[in-house]
Protein backbone atom coordinates (compact mmCIF):
# COMPACT_ATOMS: atom_id res chain seq x y z
CA MET A 1 71.92 81.70 127.16
CA LYS A 2 73.96 82.43 124.04
CA LYS A 3 77.32 80.68 123.77
CA LYS A 4 80.22 82.98 124.56
CA SER A 5 82.20 84.13 121.53
CA VAL A 6 85.64 85.24 120.45
CA ILE A 7 85.53 87.88 117.73
CA THR A 8 87.71 89.76 115.32
CA ILE A 9 86.54 92.86 113.44
CA GLY A 10 87.81 94.62 110.35
CA THR A 11 87.39 95.65 106.75
CA PHE A 12 89.63 92.76 105.67
CA ASP A 13 90.20 94.33 102.25
CA GLY A 14 92.30 91.82 100.37
CA VAL A 15 92.16 89.19 103.14
CA HIS A 16 95.97 89.29 103.16
CA LYS A 17 98.42 87.41 105.39
CA GLY A 18 97.88 89.83 108.29
CA HIS A 19 94.12 89.33 108.12
CA ARG A 20 94.57 85.58 107.85
CA PHE A 21 96.67 85.60 111.01
CA LEU A 22 93.91 87.44 112.91
CA ILE A 23 91.25 84.98 111.74
CA GLU A 24 93.41 81.94 112.47
CA LYS A 25 94.18 83.34 115.95
CA THR A 26 90.45 83.76 116.54
CA LEU A 27 89.79 80.17 115.48
CA CYS A 28 92.60 78.87 117.70
CA ILE A 29 91.24 80.68 120.79
CA ALA A 30 87.70 79.50 120.03
CA LYS A 31 88.77 75.87 119.76
CA LYS A 32 90.94 75.99 122.88
CA ASN A 33 88.25 77.59 125.06
CA ASN A 34 85.08 76.12 123.49
CA LEU A 35 83.92 79.53 122.24
CA LYS A 36 81.99 80.53 119.13
CA SER A 37 84.29 82.05 116.48
CA VAL A 38 82.91 85.22 114.89
CA VAL A 39 84.40 87.42 112.15
CA ILE A 40 82.74 90.84 111.76
CA VAL A 41 83.40 92.24 108.28
CA LEU A 42 82.84 95.75 106.98
CA GLU A 43 81.41 95.70 103.47
CA LYS A 44 84.10 98.10 102.21
CA PRO A 45 86.57 100.65 103.62
CA VAL A 46 84.87 103.48 105.53
CA LYS A 47 87.33 105.99 104.12
CA LYS A 48 87.58 106.46 100.35
CA VAL A 49 90.50 104.61 98.73
CA ASN A 50 91.79 104.48 95.15
CA GLY A 51 90.23 101.08 94.64
CA ILE A 52 89.34 98.07 96.75
CA LEU A 53 91.41 94.89 96.64
CA THR A 54 88.48 92.53 97.11
CA SER A 55 84.82 93.03 96.37
CA CYS A 56 82.39 92.15 99.14
CA GLN A 57 81.61 88.88 97.35
CA GLU A 58 85.29 87.96 96.96
CA LYS A 59 86.01 88.85 100.57
CA LEU A 60 83.18 86.78 102.02
CA GLU A 61 84.10 83.81 99.84
CA GLU A 62 87.72 83.96 101.00
CA ILE A 63 86.79 84.27 104.68
CA SER A 64 84.31 81.39 104.40
CA THR A 65 87.21 79.04 103.61
CA PHE A 66 88.53 79.38 107.17
CA GLY A 67 85.57 77.55 108.69
CA VAL A 68 84.58 80.17 111.30
CA ASP A 69 81.26 79.65 113.07
CA GLU A 70 79.73 82.94 111.95
CA VAL A 71 80.56 85.78 109.58
CA ILE A 72 78.67 89.04 110.17
CA LEU A 73 78.59 91.63 107.39
CA ILE A 74 78.20 95.32 108.29
CA ASN A 75 77.14 97.53 105.39
CA VAL A 76 78.94 100.83 104.75
CA PRO A 77 77.36 103.20 105.58
CA SER A 78 75.03 101.76 108.24
CA LYS A 79 73.40 102.77 111.51
CA ILE A 80 75.65 100.56 113.62
CA LEU A 81 78.78 102.37 112.41
CA ASN A 82 77.45 105.55 114.02
CA TYR A 83 77.10 103.91 117.43
CA THR A 84 79.27 105.37 120.15
CA PRO A 85 82.03 102.97 121.21
CA ASP A 86 80.11 102.26 124.44
CA LYS A 87 76.91 101.44 122.59
CA PHE A 88 78.74 99.28 120.04
CA PHE A 89 80.47 97.35 122.79
CA ASP A 90 77.55 97.05 125.23
CA GLU A 91 74.66 96.42 122.85
CA PHE A 92 76.32 94.65 119.95
CA LEU A 93 79.43 92.87 121.16
CA VAL A 94 78.16 91.96 124.63
CA GLY A 95 74.39 92.08 124.18
CA GLU A 96 74.12 90.27 120.84
CA LEU A 97 77.34 88.26 120.58
CA ASN A 98 78.08 87.56 124.26
CA VAL A 99 81.73 88.36 123.59
CA SER A 100 84.34 86.75 125.83
CA GLU A 101 87.52 87.71 123.93
CA ILE A 102 88.47 90.14 121.16
CA VAL A 103 91.33 89.62 118.70
CA CYS A 104 92.56 92.78 116.95
CA GLY A 105 95.55 94.60 115.50
CA LEU A 106 97.46 97.54 117.00
CA ASP A 107 95.63 100.11 114.87
CA PHE A 108 92.17 98.76 115.62
CA ALA A 109 89.39 101.27 116.35
CA PHE A 110 85.59 101.23 116.16
CA GLY A 111 82.52 103.31 116.94
CA LYS A 112 81.63 106.77 115.70
CA ASP A 113 84.74 108.67 114.52
CA ARG A 114 86.81 105.60 115.51
CA LYS A 115 86.91 106.75 119.13
CA GLY A 116 87.01 103.19 120.42
CA ASP A 117 90.76 102.72 119.95
CA ILE A 118 93.07 100.23 121.63
CA LEU A 119 93.60 102.30 124.79
CA TRP A 120 89.84 102.76 125.19
CA LEU A 121 89.19 99.09 124.45
CA LYS A 122 91.74 97.84 126.98
CA LYS A 123 89.99 99.74 129.76
CA LYS A 124 86.50 98.77 128.56
CA THR A 125 87.31 95.06 128.30
CA LYS A 126 88.96 95.04 131.72
CA ASP A 127 85.87 96.65 133.29
CA ASN A 128 83.63 94.04 131.63
CA ASN A 129 85.78 90.96 132.24
CA VAL A 130 86.43 90.51 128.50
CA LYS A 131 89.87 89.48 127.30
CA ILE A 132 91.67 91.36 124.54
CA ASN A 133 94.36 89.85 122.37
CA VAL A 134 96.30 92.55 120.50
CA VAL A 135 98.28 91.10 117.60
CA LYS A 136 101.47 92.81 116.41
CA TYR A 137 101.85 93.75 112.76
CA LEU A 138 103.18 91.13 110.40
CA ARG A 139 106.02 92.37 108.23
CA SER A 140 107.40 91.46 104.82
CA SER A 141 110.85 92.65 103.75
CA SER A 142 110.82 95.18 106.62
CA LYS A 143 107.46 96.59 105.42
CA GLN A 144 104.31 96.36 107.50
CA ILE A 145 101.77 94.10 105.81
CA SER A 146 98.67 96.20 105.20
CA SER A 147 95.95 96.71 102.61
CA SER A 148 97.33 100.18 101.83
CA TYR A 149 100.83 98.83 101.14
CA ILE A 150 99.45 96.10 98.88
CA ARG A 151 97.33 98.70 97.12
CA THR A 152 100.46 100.76 96.43
CA LEU A 153 102.24 97.74 94.93
CA ILE A 154 99.32 96.83 92.70
CA GLU A 155 98.84 100.41 91.50
CA LYS A 156 102.45 100.23 90.28
CA GLY A 157 101.73 96.89 88.59
CA ASP A 158 104.02 95.02 90.98
CA VAL A 159 101.68 92.04 91.21
CA LYS A 160 104.59 89.68 91.88
CA ASN A 161 105.55 91.26 95.22
CA ALA A 162 101.91 91.91 96.08
CA ALA A 163 101.28 88.17 95.74
CA LYS A 164 103.93 87.43 98.38
CA ILE A 165 102.02 89.54 100.90
CA PHE A 166 98.59 88.40 99.77
CA GLY A 167 99.51 84.75 99.93
CA ARG A 168 97.93 84.43 96.48
CA HIS A 169 97.89 86.27 93.15
CA TYR A 170 95.77 89.38 92.66
CA SER A 171 92.57 88.81 90.72
CA PHE A 172 89.31 90.44 89.71
CA LEU A 173 85.85 89.33 88.60
CA GLY A 174 83.90 90.64 85.64
CA ILE A 175 81.12 89.87 83.21
CA ALA A 176 82.09 89.42 79.56
CA PHE A 177 80.43 91.81 77.12
CA LYS A 178 80.48 92.42 73.39
CA ASP A 179 82.40 95.56 72.46
CA ARG A 180 83.71 96.95 69.16
CA GLY A 181 85.80 93.90 68.34
CA PHE A 182 89.15 95.68 67.96
CA GLY A 183 91.12 92.61 69.09
CA GLU A 184 89.38 90.29 66.65
CA LYS A 185 89.99 92.70 63.76
CA LEU A 186 93.70 92.69 64.68
CA GLY A 187 93.75 88.89 64.65
CA PHE A 188 93.90 88.58 68.45
CA PRO A 189 90.31 88.16 69.74
CA THR A 190 89.77 89.38 73.28
CA ILE A 191 87.19 89.03 76.02
CA ASN A 192 86.12 92.43 77.33
CA LEU A 193 85.07 92.49 80.97
CA LYS A 194 82.77 94.75 82.90
CA VAL A 195 84.24 95.08 86.40
CA SER A 196 82.91 96.90 89.47
CA ASN A 197 83.91 100.57 89.50
CA ASP A 198 85.19 100.13 93.07
CA LYS A 199 87.77 97.49 92.11
CA LEU A 200 91.43 98.46 91.81
CA LEU A 201 92.56 97.75 88.24
CA PRO A 202 96.26 98.40 87.56
CA LYS A 203 96.99 99.63 84.05
CA GLY A 204 99.34 97.61 81.90
CA VAL A 205 99.74 94.31 80.06
CA TYR A 206 99.91 91.16 82.18
CA ILE A 207 100.49 87.45 81.82
CA SER A 208 97.37 86.02 83.42
CA LEU A 209 95.02 83.13 84.03
CA THR A 210 91.40 83.55 82.99
CA GLY A 211 88.68 81.24 84.17
CA GLN A 212 85.02 80.36 84.17
CA LYS A 213 83.31 77.59 86.13
CA ASP A 214 86.57 76.42 87.76
CA ILE A 215 88.37 76.00 84.42
CA LEU A 216 91.50 78.13 84.01
CA TYR A 217 93.10 79.17 80.73
CA PRO A 218 96.54 80.73 80.13
CA SER A 219 96.00 84.25 78.88
CA ILE A 220 97.35 87.74 78.40
CA THR A 221 95.40 90.70 79.76
CA ASN A 222 95.50 94.37 78.85
CA ILE A 223 94.08 96.83 81.39
CA GLY A 224 93.71 100.33 80.03
CA SER A 225 91.70 102.81 78.01
CA ARG A 226 92.85 101.50 74.61
CA ILE A 227 94.63 104.76 73.92
CA THR A 228 95.76 103.79 70.41
CA PHE A 229 92.11 103.88 69.29
CA ASN A 230 91.22 107.16 71.08
CA ILE A 231 87.82 105.90 72.25
CA GLY A 232 87.61 107.42 75.73
CA LYS A 233 89.06 107.23 79.21
CA ASN A 234 87.16 104.24 80.62
CA ILE A 235 89.45 101.52 81.95
CA VAL A 236 88.50 98.19 80.38
CA PRO A 237 90.25 94.85 81.00
CA GLU A 238 90.48 92.77 77.85
CA THR A 239 91.89 89.27 77.84
CA HIS A 240 93.25 87.16 75.02
CA ILE A 241 93.05 83.44 75.79
CA LEU A 242 96.10 81.65 74.40
CA ASN A 243 95.29 78.98 71.81
CA PHE A 244 91.57 79.14 72.57
CA ASN A 245 88.92 78.16 70.07
CA GLY A 246 85.31 78.54 71.06
CA THR A 247 82.74 80.96 72.39
CA TRP A 248 83.25 82.61 75.77
CA GLU A 249 80.06 82.74 77.82
CA ASN A 250 78.77 86.07 79.13
CA VAL A 251 78.93 84.91 82.73
CA LEU A 252 81.19 85.69 85.68
CA THR A 253 84.83 85.52 84.64
CA LYS A 254 87.87 85.59 86.91
CA VAL A 255 91.21 87.02 85.80
CA THR A 256 94.32 86.39 87.88
CA LEU A 257 97.35 88.60 87.21
CA LEU A 258 100.65 86.70 87.33
CA LYS A 259 103.26 89.06 85.93
CA LYS A 260 103.37 92.52 84.36
CA ILE A 261 105.23 92.62 81.07
CA ARG A 262 104.83 96.27 80.04
CA ASP A 263 102.96 99.54 80.50
CA GLU A 264 100.04 100.59 78.36
CA LYS A 265 101.38 102.40 75.29
CA LYS A 266 99.97 104.44 72.41
CA PHE A 267 101.20 103.12 69.06
CA LYS A 268 101.59 105.25 65.95
CA ASP A 269 99.64 102.80 63.78
CA ILE A 270 97.82 99.45 63.81
CA GLN A 271 100.78 97.53 62.37
CA ASP A 272 103.02 98.56 65.26
CA LEU A 273 100.31 97.52 67.70
CA LYS A 274 99.94 94.09 66.05
CA LYS A 275 103.72 93.53 66.22
CA GLN A 276 103.76 94.40 69.92
CA ILE A 277 100.80 92.13 70.70
CA ALA A 278 102.60 89.26 68.95
CA LYS A 279 105.67 89.91 71.12
CA ASP A 280 103.51 90.01 74.27
CA ILE A 281 101.90 86.69 73.37
CA ALA A 282 105.31 85.12 72.70
CA LYS A 283 106.40 86.14 76.22
CA ALA A 284 103.25 84.63 77.70
CA LEU A 285 103.68 81.36 75.79
CA LYS A 286 107.27 81.13 77.00
CA PHE A 287 106.17 81.87 80.59
CA PHE A 288 103.56 79.10 80.63
CA LYS A 289 105.89 76.64 78.89
CA PHE A 290 108.49 77.12 81.63
CA SER A 291 105.78 76.95 84.29
CA GLU A 292 104.68 73.55 83.01
CA ARG A 293 108.24 72.19 83.17
CA ALA A 294 108.88 73.57 86.68
């Protein structure tokens, strides 16, 4: 017979502090009662959002650090998401996972059209001798911690306050590619990154860390459509590595946004743009110098 399990289910976009609490609660119950810990993860939000906080790869990597016994990924869309709540509970949670306890938040719901809400689940679990542990919302500065709230902060470029709720700085992954070389012509060579279209990319200029193969470099990152050059509307992150000499490999690159220093701006000519970039770099150098002394 399969070992009984304690599960938590969600999209876990961002894997923020609220999500971490749910996963840690699941692990604690599993350890205390000798149960198998299971995290069921939706590939991406079911409803369309303005950009995801974590790609599926990023999300799974973050969740894997908790040490749960099993992580189950549900694709979106998929057949199982169209199950009725009864079928999802009876066939999947009980039949396949032998669930003994469920850990969830107050707004939890599953099954077709999200009809399996908390009220439904409380009755269903009671009828099937399954425990339910409903976790209250975590709050930060009187605001409920949620993926949507974090998304709002990041869209505004408020990566500093978003980091407090995340428990880490916001980042994205991309593959370096050769573009038109505008930065190099200006005297400030940049790495242009191709990022998933689903990823939330906040416009602006940021002090950042850019890394490959576990090596991090102080950097400054512009996210925008390069409006001074009038070359289109595509949002492209481009990063200038501070005091870097060498060739950047066209492999997976991670950019972590530490602080926004200004909005994207259209300059009247190239000279004005060069002066502003020099000022931006000076701010970044000062930031990292103070960081090293702290």
